[in-house]
Amino acid sequence: MKRTLITSIGASAIAVGLIAGFEGYRGKAYDDGVGVQTVGFGSTRHPSGQPVTAGDTVTPERAVVMLANDADRIARELAACIGNVPLYKHEWDAYVSWAYNVGASSACRSTLVKKLKQQPPDYEGACRELLKWDKAGGRVLPGLKKRREAEYRLCIGETK
């Protein structure tokens, strides 16, 4: 297996499935725990670009479309900041899931991306950085810890 450039790769079905599993579906808007209104599979904006507000609802079908669009947008933004760093597909899937959760701007400013962009890239160190993103509002959340461990295992190529 060879690492390839990811600049034209969107979010794969594996990444979208991973995101959906961790985000879970909610048909009615809810506070994500740090004050952001979220609906569907973690969407914070409607396809129109308007932010999700309290009381908003979405059908499961529409939520899947929103998730796929959001994941592809995040993947494009992440690819733009990572640049010409070749990655394995499983590394890319882990990074897209992580960036979907933390936001592309936070991801692009992260030590993880810096480790990927250094010469030579620190692939192992970048994967380990995922484990540090287990907090929201300054506290470790069990769900985020579990998600980061799964993303880390995917990143290093574990199949379990």
Protein backbone atom coordinates (compact mmCIF):
# COMPACT_ATOMS: atom_id res chain seq x y z
CA MET A 1 0.00 0.00 0.00
CA LYS A 2 1.26 3.45 -0.90
CA ARG A 3 0.41 6.87 0.45
CA THR A 4 -1.18 9.15 -2.16
CA LEU A 5 -2.00 12.84 -2.43
CA ILE A 6 -5.40 13.68 -0.99
CA THR A 7 -6.03 17.05 -2.57
CA SER A 8 -8.90 15.78 -4.74
CA ILE A 9 -10.35 13.27 -2.28
CA GLY A 10 -13.58 14.21 -0.56
CA ALA A 11 -15.05 12.41 2.41
CA SER A 12 -15.25 8.67 1.80
CA ALA A 13 -18.18 6.47 2.74
CA ILE A 14 -16.03 5.11 5.58
CA ALA A 15 -15.42 8.61 6.98
CA VAL A 16 -19.10 9.56 6.64
CA GLY A 17 -20.15 6.30 8.33
CA LEU A 18 -17.70 6.87 11.16
CA ILE A 19 -18.96 10.42 11.63
CA ALA A 20 -22.61 9.30 11.59
CA GLY A 21 -21.93 6.60 14.16
CA PHE A 22 -20.25 8.96 16.58
CA GLU A 23 -22.48 11.98 16.03
CA GLY A 24 -25.73 10.01 16.10
CA TYR A 25 -28.95 11.32 14.59
CA ARG A 26 -31.18 13.85 16.30
CA GLY A 27 -34.16 15.20 14.43
CA LYS A 28 -34.57 18.24 16.65
CA ALA A 29 -31.87 20.86 17.29
CA TYR A 30 -29.91 20.52 20.53
CA ASP A 31 -27.03 22.25 22.30
CA ASP A 32 -23.82 20.35 21.57
CA GLY A 33 -22.57 20.90 25.11
CA VAL A 34 -20.58 24.06 24.42
CA GLY A 35 -23.41 26.32 23.29
CA VAL A 36 -23.67 25.44 19.59
CA GLN A 37 -27.07 24.43 18.20
CA THR A 38 -26.76 21.21 16.20
CA VAL A 39 -29.20 19.02 14.26
CA GLY A 40 -29.15 15.76 12.32
CA PHE A 41 -25.68 14.20 12.45
CA GLY A 42 -23.94 17.16 14.04
CA SER A 43 -24.72 19.80 11.40
CA THR A 44 -24.42 23.36 12.67
CA ARG A 45 -25.65 25.01 9.45
CA HIS A 46 -28.51 24.40 7.08
CA PRO A 47 -27.75 23.85 3.37
CA SER A 48 -28.76 27.51 2.89
CA GLY A 49 -25.82 28.50 5.10
CA GLN A 50 -28.04 29.70 7.93
CA PRO A 51 -27.01 28.53 11.40
CA VAL A 52 -29.08 25.90 13.16
CA THR A 53 -31.27 27.48 15.85
CA ALA A 54 -33.20 26.02 18.78
CA GLY A 55 -36.36 24.30 17.60
CA ASP A 56 -35.09 23.46 14.10
CA THR A 57 -35.91 19.97 12.84
CA VAL A 58 -34.62 17.70 10.08
CA THR A 59 -35.75 14.35 8.66
CA PRO A 60 -33.30 11.43 8.69
CA GLU A 61 -33.05 11.57 4.89
CA ARG A 62 -32.26 15.28 4.86
CA ALA A 63 -29.80 14.82 7.72
CA VAL A 64 -27.82 12.26 5.68
CA VAL A 65 -27.59 14.71 2.77
CA MET A 66 -26.47 17.48 5.15
CA LEU A 67 -23.86 15.16 6.68
CA ALA A 68 -22.44 14.17 3.29
CA ASN A 69 -22.27 17.82 2.17
CA ASP A 70 -20.71 18.97 5.45
CA ALA A 71 -18.15 16.13 5.42
CA ASP A 72 -17.13 16.90 1.83
CA ARG A 73 -16.75 20.61 2.68
CA ILE A 74 -14.63 19.78 5.72
CA ALA A 75 -12.54 17.36 3.64
CA ARG A 76 -11.87 20.06 1.02
CA GLU A 77 -10.88 22.59 3.69
CA LEU A 78 -8.62 20.06 5.42
CA ALA A 79 -7.01 19.05 2.11
CA ALA A 80 -6.30 22.71 1.37
CA CYS A 81 -4.44 23.22 4.63
CA ILE A 82 -2.58 19.89 4.58
CA GLY A 83 -1.39 20.52 1.03
CA ASN A 84 0.71 18.01 -0.86
CA VAL A 85 1.25 15.52 1.95
CA PRO A 86 0.61 11.96 0.79
CA LEU A 87 -1.62 9.92 3.13
CA TYR A 88 -3.04 6.44 3.34
CA LYS A 89 -6.79 6.38 2.83
CA HIS A 90 -7.33 5.18 6.41
CA GLU A 91 -5.30 8.14 7.75
CA TRP A 92 -7.39 10.53 5.65
CA ASP A 93 -10.66 8.98 6.88
CA ALA A 94 -9.56 9.41 10.51
CA TYR A 95 -8.53 13.02 9.94
CA VAL A 96 -11.80 13.89 8.17
CA SER A 97 -13.85 12.43 11.05
CA TRP A 98 -11.76 14.40 13.56
CA ALA A 99 -11.95 17.65 11.57
CA TYR A 100 -15.72 17.27 11.17
CA ASN A 101 -15.97 17.23 14.96
CA VAL A 102 -13.48 19.97 15.84
CA GLY A 103 -13.97 22.18 12.78
CA ALA A 104 -11.67 22.69 9.82
CA SER A 105 -10.24 25.98 11.13
CA SER A 106 -9.19 24.38 14.44
CA ALA A 107 -7.85 21.35 12.58
CA CYS A 108 -5.80 23.50 10.21
CA ARG A 109 -4.19 25.40 13.11
CA SER A 110 -3.37 22.18 15.00
CA THR A 111 -0.10 20.52 15.89
CA LEU A 112 -1.43 17.48 14.04
CA VAL A 113 -1.35 19.37 10.72
CA LYS A 114 2.05 20.86 11.59
CA LYS A 115 3.40 17.32 12.12
CA LEU A 116 2.06 16.28 8.72
CA LYS A 117 3.58 19.29 6.97
CA GLN A 118 7.06 19.02 8.46
CA GLN A 119 9.80 17.40 6.37
CA PRO A 120 9.70 14.48 6.54
CA PRO A 121 6.09 14.21 7.75
CA ASP A 122 5.67 12.79 11.26
CA TYR A 123 2.84 10.39 10.42
CA GLU A 124 2.93 8.52 13.73
CA GLY A 125 3.04 11.75 15.73
CA ALA A 126 0.13 13.17 13.74
CA CYS A 127 -1.99 10.11 14.49
CA ARG A 128 -1.11 10.37 18.21
CA GLU A 129 -2.25 14.00 18.21
CA LEU A 130 -5.84 12.79 17.67
CA LEU A 131 -5.87 11.42 21.22
CA LYS A 132 -5.35 14.93 22.65
CA TRP A 133 -8.69 16.20 21.31
CA ASP A 134 -10.90 14.56 23.95
CA LYS A 135 -12.18 17.69 25.72
CA ALA A 136 -15.11 20.04 25.31
CA GLY A 137 -15.56 23.06 27.51
CA GLY A 138 -12.23 22.21 29.19
CA ARG A 139 -13.29 18.76 30.44
CA VAL A 140 -12.60 15.26 29.12
CA LEU A 141 -15.79 13.74 27.77
CA PRO A 142 -16.09 9.92 27.67
CA GLY A 143 -17.75 10.04 24.24
CA LEU A 144 -14.97 12.18 22.78
CA LYS A 145 -12.33 9.94 24.36
CA LYS A 146 -13.95 6.88 22.75
CA ARG A 147 -14.22 8.65 19.39
CA ARG A 148 -10.58 9.78 19.42
CA GLU A 149 -9.40 6.29 20.31
CA ALA A 150 -11.37 4.88 17.35
CA GLU A 151 -9.99 7.58 15.02
CA TYR A 152 -6.47 6.88 16.29
CA ARG A 153 -6.83 3.12 15.67
CA LEU A 154 -8.10 3.86 12.15
CA CYS A 155 -5.25 6.33 11.57
CA ILE A 156 -2.56 3.80 12.48
CA GLY A 157 -4.22 1.15 10.34
CA GLU A 158 -5.73 -1.10 12.99
CA THR A 159 -8.72 -2.96 11.58
CA LYS A 160 -10.45 -3.78 14.90
